[in-house]
PDB file of N, CA and C in Angstrom:
ATOM      1  N   MET A   1      73.804  68.978  60.018  1.00  0.00           N
ATOM      2  CA  MET A   1      74.411  68.256  61.103  1.00  0.00           C
ATOM      3  C   MET A   1      74.863  69.167  62.324  1.00  0.00           C
ATOM      4  N   LYS A   2      74.360  68.884  63.555  1.00  0.00           N
ATOM      5  CA  LYS A   2      74.714  69.764  64.542  1.00  0.00           C
ATOM      6  C   LYS A   2      76.158  69.721  65.061  1.00  0.00           C
ATOM      7  N   LYS A   3      76.698  71.063  65.396  1.00  0.00           N
ATOM      8  CA  LYS A   3      77.757  70.913  66.043  1.00  0.00           C
ATOM      9  C   LYS A   3      77.798  70.509  67.433  1.00  0.00           C
ATOM     10  N   LYS A   4      78.841  69.964  68.061  1.00  0.00           N
ATOM     11  CA  LYS A   4      78.927  69.354  69.435  1.00  0.00           C
ATOM     12  C   LYS A   4      80.045  70.248  70.064  1.00  0.00           C
ATOM     13  N   LYS A   5      79.948  70.489  71.443  1.00  0.00           N
ATOM     14  CA  LYS A   5      80.832  71.184  72.010  1.00  0.00           C
ATOM     15  C   LYS A   5      81.932  70.004  72.574  1.00  0.00           C
ATOM     16  N   LYS A   6      83.095  70.484  72.309  1.00  0.00           N
ATOM     17  CA  LYS A   6      84.176  69.505  72.788  1.00  0.00           C
ATOM     18  C   LYS A   6      84.789  69.808  73.930  1.00  0.00           C
ATOM     19  N   ARG A   7      84.334  70.744  74.741  1.00  0.00           N
ATOM     20  CA  ARG A   7      84.987  70.815  76.052  1.00  0.00           C
ATOM     21  C   ARG A   7      83.627  71.116  77.141  1.00  0.00           C
ATOM     22  N   ALA A   8      84.116  71.050  78.344  1.00  0.00           N
ATOM     23  CA  ALA A   8      83.194  71.231  79.333  1.00  0.00           C
ATOM     24  C   ALA A   8      83.088  72.793  79.679  1.00  0.00           C
ATOM     25  N   ILE A   9      81.983  73.594  79.978  1.00  0.00           N
ATOM     26  CA  ILE A   9      81.931  74.862  80.212  1.00  0.00           C
ATOM     27  C   ILE A   9      82.768  75.084  81.530  1.00  0.00           C
ATOM     28  N   LYS A  10      83.536  76.048  81.830  1.00  0.00           N
ATOM     29  CA  LYS A  10      84.225  76.277  82.973  1.00  0.00           C
ATOM     30  C   LYS A  10      83.084  77.283  83.804  1.00  0.00           C
ATOM     31  N   LYS A  11      83.023  77.131  85.012  1.00  0.00           N
ATOM     32  CA  LYS A  11      82.154  77.928  85.858  1.00  0.00           C
ATOM     33  C   LYS A  11      83.061  79.239  86.252  1.00  0.00           C
ATOM     34  N   SER A  12      82.404  80.206  86.500  1.00  0.00           N
ATOM     35  CA  SER A  12      83.114  81.582  86.965  1.00  0.00           C
ATOM     36  C   SER A  12      83.346  81.497  88.436  1.00  0.00           C
ATOM     37  N   THR A  13      84.067  82.224  89.119  1.00  0.00           N
ATOM     38  CA  THR A  13      84.492  82.343  90.408  1.00  0.00           C
ATOM     39  C   THR A  13      84.217  83.779  90.892  1.00  0.00           C
ATOM     40  N   GLU A  14      84.396  84.183  91.912  1.00  0.00           N
ATOM     41  CA  GLU A  14      84.099  85.431  92.511  1.00  0.00           C
ATOM     42  C   GLU A  14      85.113  86.401  91.856  1.00  0.00           C
ATOM     43  N   GLU A  15      86.431  85.914  91.625  1.00  0.00           N
ATOM     44  CA  GLU A  15      87.561  86.671  91.149  1.00  0.00           C
ATOM     45  C   GLU A  15      87.236  86.839  89.614  1.00  0.00           C
ATOM     46  N   ARG A  16      86.945  85.820  88.793  1.00  0.00           N
ATOM     47  CA  ARG A  16      86.909  85.980  87.496  1.00  0.00           C
ATOM     48  C   ARG A  16      85.317  85.552  86.942  1.00  0.00           C
ATOM     49  N   LEU A  17      84.467  86.589  86.343  1.00  0.00           N
ATOM     50  CA  LEU A  17      83.229  86.117  86.034  1.00  0.00           C
ATOM     51  C   LEU A  17      83.399  85.651  84.316  1.00  0.00           C
ATOM     52  N   ARG A  18      82.312  85.109  83.907  1.00  0.00           N
ATOM     53  CA  ARG A  18      82.483  84.444  82.312  1.00  0.00           C
ATOM     54  C   ARG A  18      81.865  85.426  81.395  1.00  0.00           C
ATOM     55  N   LEU A  19      82.655  85.712  80.476  1.00  0.00           N
ATOM     56  CA  LEU A  19      82.165  86.366  79.125  1.00  0.00           C
ATOM     57  C   LEU A  19      81.619  85.779  78.157  1.00  0.00           C
ATOM     58  N   ARG A  20      80.450  85.394  77.958  1.00  0.00           N
ATOM     59  CA  ARG A  20      79.831  84.432  77.184  1.00  0.00           C
ATOM     60  C   ARG A  20      79.528  85.267  75.820  1.00  0.00           C
ATOM     61  N   VAL A  21      79.789  84.665  74.645  1.00  0.00           N
ATOM     62  CA  VAL A  21      79.575  85.299  73.316  1.00  0.00           C
ATOM     63  C   VAL A  21      78.706  84.274  72.573  1.00  0.00           C
ATOM     64  N   TYR A  22      77.523  84.809  71.646  1.00  0.00           N
ATOM     65  CA  TYR A  22      76.659  84.028  71.048  1.00  0.00           C
ATOM     66  C   TYR A  22      76.706  84.832  69.725  1.00  0.00           C
ATOM     67  N   LYS A  23      77.101  84.022  68.593  1.00  0.00           N
ATOM     68  CA  LYS A  23      77.019  84.665  67.410  1.00  0.00           C
ATOM     69  C   LYS A  23      75.904  83.909  66.375  1.00  0.00           C
ATOM     70  N   SER A  24      74.952  84.707  65.800  1.00  0.00           N
ATOM     71  CA  SER A  24      74.153  84.179  64.728  1.00  0.00           C
ATOM     72  C   SER A  24      74.584  84.695  63.390  1.00  0.00           C
ATOM     73  N   ASN A  25      73.818  84.251  62.272  1.00  0.00           N
ATOM     74  CA  ASN A  25      74.175  84.747  61.044  1.00  0.00           C
ATOM     75  C   ASN A  25      74.038  86.408  60.943  1.00  0.00           C
ATOM     76  N   LYS A  26      73.144  86.754  61.650  1.00  0.00           N
ATOM     77  CA  LYS A  26      72.866  88.506  61.510  1.00  0.00           C
ATOM     78  C   LYS A  26      73.097  89.264  62.735  1.00  0.00           C
ATOM     79  N   ASN A  27      73.446  88.622  63.708  1.00  0.00           N
ATOM     80  CA  ASN A  27      73.636  89.610  65.074  1.00  0.00           C
ATOM     81  C   ASN A  27      74.773  88.778  66.007  1.00  0.00           C
ATOM     82  N   ILE A  28      75.308  89.457  66.780  1.00  0.00           N
ATOM     83  CA  ILE A  28      76.312  88.974  67.873  1.00  0.00           C
ATOM     84  C   ILE A  28      75.735  89.558  69.355  1.00  0.00           C
ATOM     85  N   SER A  29      75.804  88.863  70.267  1.00  0.00           N
ATOM     86  CA  SER A  29      75.460  89.179  71.552  1.00  0.00           C
ATOM     87  C   SER A  29      76.567  88.744  72.597  1.00  0.00           C
ATOM     88  N   ALA A  30      76.627  89.410  73.759  1.00  0.00           N
ATOM     89  CA  ALA A  30      77.775  88.922  74.840  1.00  0.00           C
ATOM     90  C   ALA A  30      77.081  89.357  76.063  1.00  0.00           C
ATOM     91  N   GLN A  31      77.317  88.445  77.159  1.00  0.00           N
ATOM     92  CA  GLN A  31      76.979  88.592  78.433  1.00  0.00           C
ATOM     93  C   GLN A  31      78.350  88.324  79.396  1.00  0.00           C
ATOM     94  N   ILE A  32      78.142  89.103  80.443  1.00  0.00           N
ATOM     95  CA  ILE A  32      79.022  88.882  81.650  1.00  0.00           C
ATOM     96  C   ILE A  32      78.004  88.092  82.643  1.00  0.00           C
ATOM     97  N   ILE A  33      78.519  86.835  83.063  1.00  0.00           N
ATOM     98  CA  ILE A  33      77.562  85.882  84.049  1.00  0.00           C
ATOM     99  C   ILE A  33      78.402  85.730  84.926  1.00  0.00           C
ATOM    100  N   ASP A  34      77.733  85.611  86.180  1.00  0.00           N
ATOM    101  CA  ASP A  34      78.409  85.340  87.576  1.00  0.00           C
ATOM    102  C   ASP A  34      77.669  83.993  87.833  1.00  0.00           C
ATOM    103  N   ASP A  35      78.084  82.843  87.509  1.00  0.00           N
ATOM    104  CA  ASP A  35      77.697  81.602  87.653  1.00  0.00           C
ATOM    105  C   ASP A  35      77.399  81.076  89.332  1.00  0.00           C
ATOM    106  N   THR A  36      78.251  81.878  90.144  1.00  0.00           N
ATOM    107  CA  THR A  36      78.129  81.397  91.765  1.00  0.00           C
ATOM    108  C   THR A  36      76.662  81.870  92.207  1.00  0.00           C
ATOM    109  N   ARG A  37      76.296  83.107  91.682  1.00  0.00           N
ATOM    110  CA  ARG A  37      74.930  83.560  92.093  1.00  0.00           C
ATOM    111  C   ARG A  37      73.799  83.144  90.999  1.00  0.00           C
ATOM    112  N   GLY A  38      74.247  82.799  89.859  1.00  0.00           N
ATOM    113  CA  GLY A  38      73.211  82.349  88.649  1.00  0.00           C
ATOM    114  C   GLY A  38      72.581  83.727  88.007  1.00  0.00           C
ATOM    115  N   ILE A  39      73.319  84.892  87.766  1.00  0.00           N
ATOM    116  CA  ILE A  39      72.808  85.939  87.239  1.00  0.00           C
ATOM    117  C   ILE A  39      73.705  86.634  86.395  1.00  0.00           C
ATOM    118  N   THR A  40      72.933  87.339  85.466  1.00  0.00           N
ATOM    119  CA  THR A  40      73.767  88.101  84.259  1.00  0.00           C
ATOM    120  C   THR A  40      74.164  89.389  84.836  1.00  0.00           C
ATOM    121  N   ILE A  41      75.449  90.004  84.899  1.00  0.00           N
ATOM    122  CA  ILE A  41      75.782  91.056  85.415  1.00  0.00           C
ATOM    123  C   ILE A  41      75.492  92.126  84.316  1.00  0.00           C
ATOM    124  N   VAL A  42      76.011  91.777  82.981  1.00  0.00           N
ATOM    125  CA  VAL A  42      76.002  92.903  81.892  1.00  0.00           C
ATOM    126  C   VAL A  42      75.614  92.259  80.849  1.00  0.00           C
ATOM    127  N   SER A  43      74.871  92.626  79.761  1.00  0.00           N
ATOM    128  CA  SER A  43      74.581  92.071  78.569  1.00  0.00           C
ATOM    129  C   SER A  43      74.710  93.258  77.463  1.00  0.00           C
ATOM    130  N   GLU A  44      75.011  93.084  76.261  1.00  0.00           N
ATOM    131  CA  GLU A  44      74.964  93.793  75.196  1.00  0.00           C
ATOM    132  C   GLU A  44      74.691  92.790  73.867  1.00  0.00           C
ATOM    133  N   THR A  45      74.042  93.502  73.089  1.00  0.00           N
ATOM    134  CA  THR A  45      73.545  92.655  71.668  1.00  0.00           C
ATOM    135  C   THR A  45      73.689  93.867  70.434  1.00  0.00           C
ATOM    136  N   SER A  46      73.754  93.143  69.571  1.00  0.00           N
ATOM    137  CA  SER A  46      73.970  93.963  68.270  1.00  0.00           C
ATOM    138  C   SER A  46      72.621  94.290  67.504  1.00  0.00           C
ATOM    139  N   LEU A  47      71.409  93.946  68.116  1.00  0.00           N
ATOM    140  CA  LEU A  47      70.041  94.191  67.586  1.00  0.00           C
ATOM    141  C   LEU A  47      69.774  95.441  67.422  1.00  0.00           C
ATOM    142  N   LYS A  48      70.268  96.447  68.446  1.00  0.00           N
ATOM    143  CA  LYS A  48      69.850  97.915  68.229  1.00  0.00           C
ATOM    144  C   LYS A  48      70.684  98.400  67.379  1.00  0.00           C
ATOM    145  N   MET A  49      71.715  97.952  66.799  1.00  0.00           N
ATOM    146  CA  MET A  49      72.825  98.601  65.848  1.00  0.00           C
ATOM    147  C   MET A  49      72.492  98.561  64.466  1.00  0.00           C
ATOM    148  N   LYS A  50      72.834  99.444  63.465  1.00  0.00           N
ATOM    149  CA  LYS A  50      72.682  99.209  62.174  1.00  0.00           C
ATOM    150  C   LYS A  50      73.559  98.146  61.411  1.00  0.00           C
ATOM    151  N   ASN A  51      74.703  98.219  61.926  1.00  0.00           N
ATOM    152  CA  ASN A  51      75.932  97.352  61.237  1.00  0.00           C
ATOM    153  C   ASN A  51      76.055  96.129  62.392  1.00  0.00           C
ATOM    154  N   GLY A  52      75.047  95.288  62.613  1.00  0.00           N
ATOM    155  CA  GLY A  52      75.116  94.205  63.688  1.00  0.00           C
ATOM    156  C   GLY A  52      75.730  92.994  62.953  1.00  0.00           C
ATOM    157  N   SER A  53      75.652  92.983  61.585  1.00  0.00           N
ATOM    158  CA  SER A  53      75.932  91.573  61.256  1.00  0.00           C
ATOM    159  C   SER A  53      77.309  91.510  60.675  1.00  0.00           C
ATOM    160  N   ASN A  54      78.242  92.865  61.021  1.00  0.00           N
ATOM    161  CA  ASN A  54      79.748  92.735  60.555  1.00  0.00           C
ATOM    162  C   ASN A  54      80.574  93.031  61.712  1.00  0.00           C
ATOM    163  N   LYS A  55      81.891  92.986  61.211  1.00  0.00           N
ATOM    164  CA  LYS A  55      82.912  93.224  62.049  1.00  0.00           C
ATOM    165  C   LYS A  55      82.824  94.433  63.026  1.00  0.00           C
ATOM    166  N   GLU A  56      82.406  95.569  62.427  1.00  0.00           N
ATOM    167  CA  GLU A  56      82.177  97.059  62.968  1.00  0.00           C
ATOM    168  C   GLU A  56      81.103  96.901  64.027  1.00  0.00           C
ATOM    169  N   GLY A  57      80.076  95.929  63.889  1.00  0.00           N
ATOM    170  CA  GLY A  57      78.976  95.983  64.894  1.00  0.00           C
ATOM    171  C   GLY A  57      79.575  95.121  66.062  1.00  0.00           C
ATOM    172  N   ALA A  58      80.316  94.094  65.626  1.00  0.00           N
ATOM    173  CA  ALA A  58      81.006  93.267  66.821  1.00  0.00           C
ATOM    174  C   ALA A  58      81.812  94.163  67.789  1.00  0.00           C
ATOM    175  N   LYS A  59      82.482  95.099  66.873  1.00  0.00           N
ATOM    176  CA  LYS A  59      83.603  95.768  67.739  1.00  0.00           C
ATOM    177  C   LYS A  59      82.653  96.920  68.497  1.00  0.00           C
ATOM    178  N   ALA A  60      81.523  97.336  68.298  1.00  0.00           N
ATOM    179  CA  ALA A  60      80.861  98.147  68.830  1.00  0.00           C
ATOM    180  C   ALA A  60      80.056  97.650  70.213  1.00  0.00           C
ATOM    181  N   VAL A  61      79.746  96.210  69.988  1.00  0.00           N
ATOM    182  CA  VAL A  61      79.227  95.406  71.087  1.00  0.00           C
ATOM    183  C   VAL A  61      80.370  95.388  72.074  1.00  0.00           C
ATOM    184  N   GLY A  62      81.449  94.823  71.803  1.00  0.00           N
ATOM    185  CA  GLY A  62      82.553  94.945  72.568  1.00  0.00           C
ATOM    186  C   GLY A  62      83.045  96.099  73.371  1.00  0.00           C
ATOM    187  N   VAL A  63      83.004  97.279  72.935  1.00  0.00           N
ATOM    188  CA  VAL A  63      83.172  98.625  73.263  1.00  0.00           C
ATOM    189  C   VAL A  63      82.126  98.922  74.482  1.00  0.00           C
ATOM    190  N   SER A  64      80.867  98.726  73.975  1.00  0.00           N
ATOM    191  CA  SER A  64      79.698  99.009  74.912  1.00  0.00           C
ATOM    192  C   SER A  64      79.696  97.891  76.126  1.00  0.00           C
ATOM    193  N   LEU A  65      79.935  96.630  75.988  1.00  0.00           N
ATOM    194  CA  LEU A  65      79.926  95.774  76.883  1.00  0.00           C
ATOM    195  C   LEU A  65      81.049  96.251  77.963  1.00  0.00           C
ATOM    196  N   ALA A  66      82.265  96.516  77.512  1.00  0.00           N
ATOM    197  CA  ALA A  66      83.389  96.870  78.462  1.00  0.00           C
ATOM    198  C   ALA A  66      83.180  97.981  79.262  1.00  0.00           C
ATOM    199  N   LYS A  67      82.269  99.178  78.611  1.00  0.00           N
ATOM    200  CA  LYS A  67      82.121 100.278  79.424  1.00  0.00           C
ATOM    201  C   LYS A  67      80.944 100.158  80.483  1.00  0.00           C
ATOM    202  N   LYS A  68      80.026  99.106  80.054  1.00  0.00           N
ATOM    203  CA  LYS A  68      79.035  98.790  80.981  1.00  0.00           C
ATOM    204  C   LYS A  68      79.660  97.911  82.107  1.00  0.00           C
ATOM    205  N   ALA A  69      80.609  97.117  81.957  1.00  0.00           N
ATOM    206  CA  ALA A  69      81.313  96.402  83.047  1.00  0.00           C
ATOM    207  C   ALA A  69      81.882  97.010  83.908  1.00  0.00           C
ATOM    208  N   GLU A  70      82.661  98.144  83.284  1.00  0.00           N
ATOM    209  CA  GLU A  70      83.416  99.145  84.122  1.00  0.00           C
ATOM    210  C   GLU A  70      82.496  99.763  85.311  1.00  0.00           C
ATOM    211  N   GLU A  71      81.149 100.177  84.658  1.00  0.00           N
ATOM    212  CA  GLU A  71      80.239 100.764  85.665  1.00  0.00           C
ATOM    213  C   GLU A  71      79.923  99.959  86.817  1.00  0.00           C
ATOM    214  N   LYS A  72      80.079  98.440  86.485  1.00  0.00           N
ATOM    215  CA  LYS A  72      79.705  97.629  87.521  1.00  0.00           C
ATOM    216  C   LYS A  72      81.032  96.928  88.366  1.00  0.00           C
ATOM    217  N   ASN A  73      82.060  97.818  87.958  1.00  0.00           N
ATOM    218  CA  ASN A  73      83.186  97.286  88.696  1.00  0.00           C
ATOM    219  C   ASN A  73      83.664  95.785  88.361  1.00  0.00           C
ATOM    220  N   VAL A  74      83.470  95.446  87.223  1.00  0.00           N
ATOM    221  CA  VAL A  74      83.789  94.169  86.467  1.00  0.00           C
ATOM    222  C   VAL A  74      85.098  94.377  85.744  1.00  0.00           C
ATOM    223  N   LYS A  75      86.207  93.764  86.200  1.00  0.00           N
ATOM    224  CA  LYS A  75      87.425  93.874  85.346  1.00  0.00           C
ATOM    225  C   LYS A  75      88.094  92.583  84.892  1.00  0.00           C
ATOM    226  N   LYS A  76      87.974  91.659  85.520  1.00  0.00           N
ATOM    227  CA  LYS A  76      88.707  90.255  85.104  1.00  0.00           C
ATOM    228  C   LYS A  76      87.303  89.380  84.865  1.00  0.00           C
ATOM    229  N   VAL A  77      87.647  88.667  83.660  1.00  0.00           N
ATOM    230  CA  VAL A  77      86.713  87.803  83.144  1.00  0.00           C
ATOM    231  C   VAL A  77      87.397  86.833  82.335  1.00  0.00           C
ATOM    232  N   PHE A  78      86.795  85.621  82.256  1.00  0.00           N
ATOM    233  CA  PHE A  78      87.191  84.623  81.253  1.00  0.00           C
ATOM    234  C   PHE A  78      86.367  84.264  80.045  1.00  0.00           C
ATOM    235  N   PHE A  79      87.206  84.257  78.866  1.00  0.00           N
ATOM    236  CA  PHE A  79      86.060  84.177  77.617  1.00  0.00           C
ATOM    237  C   PHE A  79      85.689  82.975  77.250  1.00  0.00           C
ATOM    238  N   ASP A  80      84.363  83.004  77.027  1.00  0.00           N
ATOM    239  CA  ASP A  80      83.759  81.410  76.525  1.00  0.00           C
ATOM    240  C   ASP A  80      83.023  81.983  75.458  1.00  0.00           C
ATOM    241  N   ARG A  81      83.594  81.395  74.388  1.00  0.00           N
ATOM    242  CA  ARG A  81      83.154  81.654  72.855  1.00  0.00           C
ATOM    243  C   ARG A  81      82.257  80.103  72.502  1.00  0.00           C
ATOM    244  N   GLY A  82      81.969  79.362  73.374  1.00  0.00           N
ATOM    245  CA  GLY A  82      80.893  78.445  72.989  1.00  0.00           C
ATOM    246  C   GLY A  82      81.734  77.434  71.833  1.00  0.00           C
ATOM    247  N   ILE A  83      80.887  77.212  70.658  1.00  0.00           N
ATOM    248  CA  ILE A  83      81.406  76.693  69.692  1.00  0.00           C
ATOM    249  C   ILE A  83      81.880  77.472  68.437  1.00  0.00           C
ATOM    250  N   SER A  84      81.707  78.562  68.762  1.00  0.00           N
ATOM    251  CA  SER A  84      82.402  79.454  67.569  1.00  0.00           C
ATOM    252  C   SER A  84      83.671  79.729  67.600  1.00  0.00           C
ATOM    253  N   VAL A  85      84.451  79.622  66.621  1.00  0.00           N
ATOM    254  CA  VAL A  85      85.682  79.855  66.157  1.00  0.00           C
ATOM    255  C   VAL A  85      86.201  81.223  66.614  1.00  0.00           C
ATOM    256  N   TYR A  86      87.592  81.427  67.068  1.00  0.00           N
ATOM    257  CA  TYR A  86      87.878  82.737  67.464  1.00  0.00           C
ATOM    258  C   TYR A  86      88.684  83.237  66.262  1.00  0.00           C
ATOM    259  N   LYS A  87      87.764  83.957  65.325  1.00  0.00           N
ATOM    260  CA  LYS A  87      88.086  84.551  64.395  1.00  0.00           C
ATOM    261  C   LYS A  87      86.963  85.593  63.974  1.00  0.00           C
ATOM    262  N   GLY A  88      87.029  86.305  62.842  1.00  0.00           N
ATOM    263  CA  GLY A  88      86.016  87.166  62.448  1.00  0.00           C
ATOM    264  C   GLY A  88      85.501  88.215  63.556  1.00  0.00           C
ATOM    265  N   ARG A  89      84.084  87.898  63.749  1.00  0.00           N
ATOM    266  CA  ARG A  89      83.303  88.931  64.462  1.00  0.00           C
ATOM    267  C   ARG A  89      83.569  88.526  65.841  1.00  0.00           C
ATOM    268  N   VAL A  90      84.094  87.193  66.422  1.00  0.00           N
ATOM    269  CA  VAL A  90      84.205  87.024  67.709  1.00  0.00           C
ATOM    270  C   VAL A  90      85.535  87.443  68.311  1.00  0.00           C
ATOM    271  N   LYS A  91      86.546  87.557  67.353  1.00  0.00           N
ATOM    272  CA  LYS A  91      87.866  88.093  67.564  1.00  0.00           C
ATOM    273  C   LYS A  91      87.570  89.742  67.762  1.00  0.00           C
ATOM    274  N   GLU A  92      86.984  90.301  66.756  1.00  0.00           N
ATOM    275  CA  GLU A  92      86.910  91.624  66.966  1.00  0.00           C
ATOM    276  C   GLU A  92      86.012  92.134  68.311  1.00  0.00           C
ATOM    277  N   LEU A  93      84.943  91.501  68.637  1.00  0.00           N
ATOM    278  CA  LEU A  93      84.434  91.815  69.792  1.00  0.00           C
ATOM    279  C   LEU A  93      85.470  91.311  70.891  1.00  0.00           C
ATOM    280  N   ALA A  94      86.162  90.488  71.148  1.00  0.00           N
ATOM    281  CA  ALA A  94      87.103  90.195  72.427  1.00  0.00           C
ATOM    282  C   ALA A  94      88.203  91.266  72.072  1.00  0.00           C
ATOM    283  N   GLU A  95      88.746  91.652  71.102  1.00  0.00           N
ATOM    284  CA  GLU A  95      89.741  92.856  71.044  1.00  0.00           C
ATOM    285  C   GLU A  95      89.415  94.044  71.418  1.00  0.00           C
ATOM    286  N   ALA A  96      88.159  94.526  71.213  1.00  0.00           N
ATOM    287  CA  ALA A  96      87.455  95.630  71.511  1.00  0.00           C
ATOM    288  C   ALA A  96      87.205  95.655  73.152  1.00  0.00           C
ATOM    289  N   ALA A  97      86.851  94.539  73.734  1.00  0.00           N
ATOM    290  CA  ALA A  97      86.678  94.538  75.150  1.00  0.00           C
ATOM    291  C   ALA A  97      88.078  94.651  75.763  1.00  0.00           C
ATOM    292  N   ARG A  98      88.885  94.100  75.263  1.00  0.00           N
ATOM    293  CA  ARG A  98      90.293  94.153  75.929  1.00  0.00           C
ATOM    294  C   ARG A  98      90.976  95.409  75.815  1.00  0.00           C
ATOM    295  N   GLU A  99      90.719  96.028  74.696  1.00  0.00           N
ATOM    296  CA  GLU A  99      91.328  97.752  74.676  1.00  0.00           C
ATOM    297  C   GLU A  99      90.556  98.485  75.426  1.00  0.00           C
ATOM    298  N   ASN A 100      89.373  98.315  75.846  1.00  0.00           N
ATOM    299  CA  ASN A 100      88.450  99.256  76.720  1.00  0.00           C
ATOM    300  C   ASN A 100      88.480  98.620  77.985  1.00  0.00           C
ATOM    301  N   GLY A 101      89.400  97.923  78.627  1.00  0.00           N
ATOM    302  CA  GLY A 101      89.430  97.576  79.929  1.00  0.00           C
ATOM    303  C   GLY A 101      89.236  96.196  80.681  1.00  0.00           C
ATOM    304  N   LEU A 102      88.505  95.371  79.701  1.00  0.00           N
ATOM    305  CA  LEU A 102      88.284  93.962  80.475  1.00  0.00           C
ATOM    306  C   LEU A 102      89.665  93.376  80.411  1.00  0.00           C
ATOM    307  N   GLN A 103      89.722  92.586  81.161  1.00  0.00           N
ATOM    308  CA  GLN A 103      91.141  91.628  81.357  1.00  0.00           C
ATOM    309  C   GLN A 103      90.730  90.172  81.402  1.00  0.00           C
ATOM    310  N   PHE A 104      91.066  89.373  80.305  1.00  0.00           N
ATOM    311  CA  PHE A 104      91.260  88.010  80.039  1.00  0.00           C
ATOM    312  C   PHE A 104      92.181  87.461  79.368  1.00  0.00           C
TER     313      PHE A 104
END
């Protein structure tokens, strides 16, 4: 049975971009998207990492994404977790990104 979204996706503005998180069984990825221009500013995935399927891998993705965003002068984002529940790997990625400079 497929999961259905229970809410509409909010669009990003020029002040706040959208931090989109996708989680599969083996990996986790995140992108910072500018919906006004229709482009991805920064992206990071755990495909390259050894421990991509656990919380440490998600934390590493959050740290790396925050550092890349800082280089592109992105500070404020809003968190779009999609249909994923805010716990486990999604929560670790979000907390690591917050600790390293992203505000949401």
